[in-house]
């Protein structure tokens, strides 16, 4: 075991056993970054080296998830009463 990068072929073979593709994992990582640091298109483009259309798409998806989370959150803490 060492800290050198793995080859794409090793990663692809490791993922064959699982239910996810490399593209799905990359998309999930980009969305997680957008949720963690805010849906900022410029940040996403800079961190991942993606084009503006891709960055805009991931930021829009993050905004939708954030809004859905806010809409489903209770108005008050359930253990504190009002």
C-alpha atoms as a PDB file:
ATOM      1  CA  UNK A   1       0.000   0.000   0.000  1.00  0.00           C
ATOM      2  CA  UNK A   2       1.228   3.448  -0.860  1.00  0.00           C
ATOM      3  CA  UNK A   3      -0.100   6.892  -1.674  1.00  0.00           C
ATOM      4  CA  UNK A   4       0.400   6.879  -5.435  1.00  0.00           C
ATOM      5  CA  UNK A   5      -2.683   7.419  -7.587  1.00  0.00           C
ATOM      6  CA  UNK A   6      -4.521   4.315  -8.720  1.00  0.00           C
ATOM      7  CA  UNK A   7      -4.877   3.532 -12.401  1.00  0.00           C
ATOM      8  CA  UNK A   8      -8.226   4.066 -14.064  1.00  0.00           C
ATOM      9  CA  UNK A   9      -8.321   0.369 -14.973  1.00  0.00           C
ATOM     10  CA  UNK A  10      -7.973  -0.618 -11.303  1.00  0.00           C
ATOM     11  CA  UNK A  11     -10.738   1.755 -10.276  1.00  0.00           C
ATOM     12  CA  UNK A  12     -13.020   0.567 -13.073  1.00  0.00           C
ATOM     13  CA  UNK A  13     -12.529  -3.072 -12.056  1.00  0.00           C
ATOM     14  CA  UNK A  14     -13.185  -2.213  -8.414  1.00  0.00           C
ATOM     15  CA  UNK A  15     -16.414  -0.475  -9.389  1.00  0.00           C
ATOM     16  CA  UNK A  16     -17.682  -3.341 -11.543  1.00  0.00           C
ATOM     17  CA  UNK A  17     -18.620  -5.192  -8.383  1.00  0.00           C
ATOM     18  CA  UNK A  18     -20.670  -2.212  -7.146  1.00  0.00           C
ATOM     19  CA  UNK A  19     -23.868  -0.612  -8.406  1.00  0.00           C
ATOM     20  CA  UNK A  20     -22.281   2.733  -9.412  1.00  0.00           C
ATOM     21  CA  UNK A  21     -20.326   3.969 -12.408  1.00  0.00           C
ATOM     22  CA  UNK A  22     -17.415   6.392 -12.384  1.00  0.00           C
ATOM     23  CA  UNK A  23     -19.661   9.019 -13.957  1.00  0.00           C
ATOM     24  CA  UNK A  24     -22.239   8.597 -11.188  1.00  0.00           C
ATOM     25  CA  UNK A  25     -19.586   8.879  -8.473  1.00  0.00           C
ATOM     26  CA  UNK A  26     -18.134  11.994 -10.101  1.00  0.00           C
ATOM     27  CA  UNK A  27     -21.585  13.587 -10.375  1.00  0.00           C
ATOM     28  CA  UNK A  28     -22.279  12.752  -6.733  1.00  0.00           C
ATOM     29  CA  UNK A  29     -18.966  14.298  -5.660  1.00  0.00           C
ATOM     30  CA  UNK A  30     -19.669  17.467  -7.621  1.00  0.00           C
ATOM     31  CA  UNK A  31     -23.138  17.758  -6.133  1.00  0.00           C
ATOM     32  CA  UNK A  32     -21.751  17.193  -2.625  1.00  0.00           C
ATOM     33  CA  UNK A  33     -19.238  19.990  -3.215  1.00  0.00           C
ATOM     34  CA  UNK A  34     -22.032  22.292  -4.368  1.00  0.00           C
ATOM     35  CA  UNK A  35     -24.073  21.499  -1.264  1.00  0.00           C
ATOM     36  CA  UNK A  36     -21.097  21.900   1.082  1.00  0.00           C
ATOM     37  CA  UNK A  37     -19.822  25.215  -0.323  1.00  0.00           C
ATOM     38  CA  UNK A  38     -23.016  26.644  -1.723  1.00  0.00           C
ATOM     39  CA  UNK A  39     -24.283  26.392  -5.289  1.00  0.00           C
ATOM     40  CA  UNK A  40     -21.565  28.626  -6.746  1.00  0.00           C
ATOM     41  CA  UNK A  41     -20.974  27.953 -10.432  1.00  0.00           C
ATOM     42  CA  UNK A  42     -17.547  29.594 -10.465  1.00  0.00           C
ATOM     43  CA  UNK A  43     -16.364  27.505  -7.500  1.00  0.00           C
ATOM     44  CA  UNK A  44     -17.525  24.281  -9.140  1.00  0.00           C
ATOM     45  CA  UNK A  45     -15.888  25.154 -12.449  1.00  0.00           C
ATOM     46  CA  UNK A  46     -12.623  25.990 -10.696  1.00  0.00           C
ATOM     47  CA  UNK A  47     -12.493  22.965  -8.365  1.00  0.00           C
ATOM     48  CA  UNK A  48     -13.460  20.345 -10.949  1.00  0.00           C
ATOM     49  CA  UNK A  49     -12.244  21.944 -14.153  1.00  0.00           C
ATOM     50  CA  UNK A  50     -15.690  21.651 -15.732  1.00  0.00           C
ATOM     51  CA  UNK A  51     -17.275  23.917 -18.299  1.00  0.00           C
ATOM     52  CA  UNK A  52     -19.756  26.616 -17.469  1.00  0.00           C
ATOM     53  CA  UNK A  53     -22.802  24.617 -18.604  1.00  0.00           C
ATOM     54  CA  UNK A  54     -21.857  21.687 -16.373  1.00  0.00           C
ATOM     55  CA  UNK A  55     -21.150  23.984 -13.422  1.00  0.00           C
ATOM     56  CA  UNK A  56     -24.502  25.724 -13.916  1.00  0.00           C
ATOM     57  CA  UNK A  57     -26.305  22.361 -14.059  1.00  0.00           C
ATOM     58  CA  UNK A  58     -24.754  21.128 -10.806  1.00  0.00           C
ATOM     59  CA  UNK A  59     -25.372  24.433  -9.042  1.00  0.00           C
ATOM     60  CA  UNK A  60     -29.031  24.342 -10.124  1.00  0.00           C
ATOM     61  CA  UNK A  61     -29.380  20.776  -8.817  1.00  0.00           C
ATOM     62  CA  UNK A  62     -27.837  21.830  -5.495  1.00  0.00           C
ATOM     63  CA  UNK A  63     -30.214  24.801  -5.231  1.00  0.00           C
ATOM     64  CA  UNK A  64     -33.198  22.505  -5.808  1.00  0.00           C
ATOM     65  CA  UNK A  65     -32.005  20.104  -3.102  1.00  0.00           C
ATOM     66  CA  UNK A  66     -31.378  22.950  -0.668  1.00  0.00           C
ATOM     67  CA  UNK A  67     -34.833  24.431  -1.305  1.00  0.00           C
ATOM     68  CA  UNK A  68     -36.506  21.034  -0.950  1.00  0.00           C
ATOM     69  CA  UNK A  69     -34.679  20.478   2.331  1.00  0.00           C
ATOM     70  CA  UNK A  70     -35.804  23.881   3.643  1.00  0.00           C
ATOM     71  CA  UNK A  71     -39.401  23.249   2.586  1.00  0.00           C
ATOM     72  CA  UNK A  72     -39.518  19.880   4.349  1.00  0.00           C
ATOM     73  CA  UNK A  73     -37.851  21.087   7.563  1.00  0.00           C
ATOM     74  CA  UNK A  74     -40.194  21.573  10.554  1.00  0.00           C
ATOM     75  CA  UNK A  75     -40.960  25.172  11.501  1.00  0.00           C
ATOM     76  CA  UNK A  76     -39.871  24.510  15.078  1.00  0.00           C
ATOM     77  CA  UNK A  77     -37.789  21.937  16.855  1.00  0.00           C
ATOM     78  CA  UNK A  78     -40.102  18.991  17.708  1.00  0.00           C
ATOM     79  CA  UNK A  79     -38.712  18.656  21.240  1.00  0.00           C
ATOM     80  CA  UNK A  80     -38.926  22.325  22.149  1.00  0.00           C
ATOM     81  CA  UNK A  81     -42.618  22.861  21.617  1.00  0.00           C
ATOM     82  CA  UNK A  82     -43.408  26.086  19.820  1.00  0.00           C
END
